[in-house]
Amino acid sequence: MRLLMMGTGPFGRPTLEVLLATDHDVVGLVSRPPRGAPRRSAAAESPMVTLARARGMQVWQPASVNSDEAHQ
């Protein structure tokens, strides 16, 4: 089955890891854009995005999943 994973938080990473270990074709990840923490100068990448990029997956980070950009 071809799947598109949607998520951002660290709770979703184990689910993505399990899906990647199966015969399913995970074609990409839709995740929220990085946001800076109050005391950090740079925005931190989510654990799901880090994993997806490490596996060579396509990553989309629209400002809103309701935007025209996200629906294309």
N, C-alpha and C. Protein backbone atom coordinates (compact mmCIF):
# COMPACT_ATOMS: atom_id res chain seq x y z
N MET A 1 0.84 -1.16 0.00
CA MET A 1 0.00 0.00 0.00
C MET A 1 0.90 1.24 0.00
N ARG A 2 0.55 2.23 -0.80
CA ARG A 2 1.28 3.51 -0.81
C ARG A 2 0.69 4.42 0.25
N LEU A 3 1.55 4.99 1.08
CA LEU A 3 1.10 5.82 2.19
C LEU A 3 1.80 7.17 2.19
N LEU A 4 1.10 8.18 2.65
CA LEU A 4 1.66 9.50 2.89
C LEU A 4 1.45 9.77 4.38
N MET A 5 2.52 9.87 5.12
CA MET A 5 2.45 10.08 6.57
C MET A 5 2.28 11.57 6.86
N MET A 6 1.45 11.87 7.83
CA MET A 6 1.26 13.26 8.27
C MET A 6 1.49 13.31 9.77
N GLY A 7 2.38 14.20 10.19
CA GLY A 7 2.64 14.35 11.62
C GLY A 7 3.88 15.17 11.88
N THR A 8 4.03 15.59 13.12
CA THR A 8 5.17 16.43 13.48
C THR A 8 5.80 16.01 14.79
N GLY A 9 5.02 15.75 15.79
CA GLY A 9 5.53 15.52 17.13
C GLY A 9 6.34 14.25 17.27
N PRO A 10 7.11 14.15 18.37
CA PRO A 10 7.93 12.96 18.60
C PRO A 10 7.11 11.68 18.77
N PHE A 11 5.84 11.80 19.11
CA PHE A 11 4.97 10.63 19.27
C PHE A 11 4.76 9.90 17.96
N GLY A 12 4.90 10.58 16.83
CA GLY A 12 4.67 9.97 15.53
C GLY A 12 5.87 9.22 14.97
N ARG A 13 7.05 9.50 15.48
CA ARG A 13 8.25 8.86 14.94
C ARG A 13 8.21 7.34 15.06
N PRO A 14 7.82 6.75 16.22
CA PRO A 14 7.74 5.29 16.29
C PRO A 14 6.79 4.70 15.25
N THR A 15 5.68 5.37 15.00
CA THR A 15 4.74 4.89 13.98
C THR A 15 5.39 4.91 12.61
N LEU A 16 6.09 5.98 12.29
CA LEU A 16 6.78 6.07 11.01
C LEU A 16 7.85 4.99 10.89
N GLU A 17 8.58 4.74 11.97
CA GLU A 17 9.61 3.69 11.96
C GLU A 17 9.00 2.32 11.66
N VAL A 18 7.86 2.02 12.28
CA VAL A 18 7.19 0.74 12.05
C VAL A 18 6.73 0.64 10.60
N LEU A 19 6.13 1.70 10.08
CA LEU A 19 5.66 1.69 8.69
C LEU A 19 6.83 1.48 7.72
N LEU A 20 7.96 2.11 8.00
CA LEU A 20 9.12 1.96 7.12
C LEU A 20 9.70 0.55 7.18
N ALA A 21 9.46 -0.16 8.26
CA ALA A 21 9.97 -1.53 8.41
C ALA A 21 9.06 -2.56 7.74
N THR A 22 7.91 -2.14 7.23
CA THR A 22 6.98 -3.05 6.58
C THR A 22 7.16 -3.00 5.07
N ASP A 23 6.32 -3.72 4.36
CA ASP A 23 6.36 -3.72 2.90
C ASP A 23 5.58 -2.55 2.30
N HIS A 24 5.01 -1.69 3.13
CA HIS A 24 4.28 -0.53 2.62
C HIS A 24 5.24 0.45 1.97
N ASP A 25 4.75 1.19 1.00
CA ASP A 25 5.54 2.20 0.30
C ASP A 25 5.17 3.57 0.89
N VAL A 26 5.97 4.04 1.84
CA VAL A 26 5.73 5.35 2.45
C VAL A 26 6.39 6.38 1.53
N VAL A 27 5.56 7.12 0.80
CA VAL A 27 6.07 7.99 -0.26
C VAL A 27 6.52 9.36 0.23
N GLY A 28 6.13 9.75 1.43
CA GLY A 28 6.56 11.05 1.93
C GLY A 28 5.95 11.38 3.27
N LEU A 29 6.32 12.57 3.73
CA LEU A 29 5.87 13.06 5.03
C LEU A 29 5.38 14.50 4.87
N VAL A 30 4.22 14.78 5.44
CA VAL A 30 3.72 16.15 5.54
C VAL A 30 3.84 16.53 7.00
N SER A 31 4.58 17.61 7.26
CA SER A 31 4.86 18.01 8.63
C SER A 31 4.81 19.53 8.76
N ARG A 32 4.59 20.00 9.95
CA ARG A 32 4.58 21.44 10.22
C ARG A 32 5.99 22.00 10.01
N PRO A 33 6.11 23.22 9.51
CA PRO A 33 7.44 23.83 9.38
C PRO A 33 8.09 23.99 10.76
N PRO A 34 9.42 23.99 10.80
CA PRO A 34 10.09 24.14 12.10
C PRO A 34 9.77 25.49 12.74
N ARG A 35 9.64 25.45 14.05
CA ARG A 35 9.40 26.68 14.82
C ARG A 35 10.53 26.82 15.83
N GLY A 36 11.00 28.03 16.01
CA GLY A 36 12.07 28.27 16.97
C GLY A 36 11.59 28.14 18.40
N ALA A 37 12.44 27.59 19.24
CA ALA A 37 12.15 27.53 20.67
C ALA A 37 12.50 28.89 21.28
N PRO A 38 11.91 29.23 22.42
CA PRO A 38 12.13 30.55 23.00
C PRO A 38 13.59 30.95 23.18
N ARG A 39 14.46 30.03 23.55
CA ARG A 39 15.86 30.38 23.81
C ARG A 39 16.81 29.94 22.71
N ARG A 40 16.30 29.39 21.65
CA ARG A 40 17.16 28.95 20.54
C ARG A 40 17.17 29.99 19.45
N SER A 41 18.30 30.09 18.79
CA SER A 41 18.37 31.04 17.67
C SER A 41 17.85 30.41 16.38
N ALA A 42 17.99 29.11 16.26
CA ALA A 42 17.52 28.42 15.05
C ALA A 42 16.36 27.49 15.39
N ALA A 43 15.50 27.30 14.43
CA ALA A 43 14.36 26.40 14.61
C ALA A 43 14.85 24.96 14.56
N ALA A 44 14.34 24.14 15.45
CA ALA A 44 14.72 22.73 15.50
C ALA A 44 13.84 21.91 14.57
N GLU A 45 14.45 20.97 13.88
CA GLU A 45 13.72 20.08 12.98
C GLU A 45 13.04 19.00 13.82
N SER A 46 11.83 18.60 13.44
CA SER A 46 11.11 17.58 14.19
C SER A 46 11.78 16.21 13.99
N PRO A 47 11.65 15.31 14.98
CA PRO A 47 12.22 13.98 14.85
C PRO A 47 11.69 13.22 13.63
N MET A 48 10.44 13.46 13.27
CA MET A 48 9.87 12.78 12.10
C MET A 48 10.53 13.26 10.81
N VAL A 49 10.77 14.56 10.71
CA VAL A 49 11.40 15.12 9.51
C VAL A 49 12.83 14.60 9.41
N THR A 50 13.54 14.55 10.52
CA THR A 50 14.91 14.03 10.53
C THR A 50 14.95 12.60 10.02
N LEU A 51 14.05 11.76 10.51
CA LEU A 51 13.99 10.36 10.07
C LEU A 51 13.62 10.26 8.59
N ALA A 52 12.62 11.01 8.18
CA ALA A 52 12.17 10.96 6.78
C ALA A 52 13.31 11.36 5.84
N ARG A 53 14.01 12.42 6.17
CA ARG A 53 15.12 12.86 5.31
C ARG A 53 16.26 11.85 5.31
N ALA A 54 16.52 11.24 6.46
CA ALA A 54 17.57 10.22 6.54
C ALA A 54 17.24 9.02 5.66
N ARG A 55 15.96 8.75 5.47
CA ARG A 55 15.52 7.63 4.63
C ARG A 55 15.29 8.04 3.19
N GLY A 56 15.60 9.29 2.85
CA GLY A 56 15.45 9.76 1.47
C GLY A 56 14.02 10.03 1.05
N MET A 57 13.14 10.23 2.01
CA MET A 57 11.73 10.48 1.70
C MET A 57 11.51 11.94 1.32
N GLN A 58 10.50 12.19 0.52
CA GLN A 58 10.07 13.55 0.20
C GLN A 58 9.40 14.13 1.45
N VAL A 59 9.73 15.38 1.79
CA VAL A 59 9.14 16.04 2.95
C VAL A 59 8.47 17.33 2.49
N TRP A 60 7.21 17.50 2.86
CA TRP A 60 6.47 18.73 2.57
C TRP A 60 6.18 19.40 3.91
N GLN A 61 6.42 20.73 3.98
CA GLN A 61 6.16 21.47 5.21
C GLN A 61 5.39 22.75 4.90
N PRO A 62 4.13 22.60 4.49
CA PRO A 62 3.32 23.79 4.20
C PRO A 62 3.00 24.56 5.48
N ALA A 63 2.79 25.86 5.35
CA ALA A 63 2.44 26.69 6.51
C ALA A 63 1.13 26.21 7.13
N SER A 64 0.23 25.69 6.29
CA SER A 64 -1.05 25.17 6.76
C SER A 64 -1.48 24.03 5.83
N VAL A 65 -2.00 22.95 6.40
CA VAL A 65 -2.48 21.86 5.55
C VAL A 65 -3.76 22.25 4.83
N ASN A 66 -4.34 23.38 5.21
CA ASN A 66 -5.54 23.88 4.54
C ASN A 66 -5.22 24.85 3.41
N SER A 67 -3.95 25.15 3.19
CA SER A 67 -3.56 26.11 2.16
C SER A 67 -3.65 25.48 0.77
N ASP A 68 -3.72 26.32 -0.24
CA ASP A 68 -3.72 25.84 -1.63
C ASP A 68 -2.44 25.08 -1.93
N GLU A 69 -1.31 25.55 -1.38
CA GLU A 69 -0.02 24.88 -1.59
C GLU A 69 -0.07 23.43 -1.12
N ALA A 70 -0.68 23.18 0.02
CA ALA A 70 -0.74 21.84 0.59
C ALA A 70 -1.64 20.91 -0.21
N HIS A 71 -2.58 21.44 -0.94
CA HIS A 71 -3.54 20.61 -1.68
C HIS A 71 -3.05 20.27 -3.07
N GLN A 72 -1.89 20.74 -3.44
CA GLN A 72 -1.37 20.45 -4.79
C GLN A 72 -0.41 19.35 -4.71
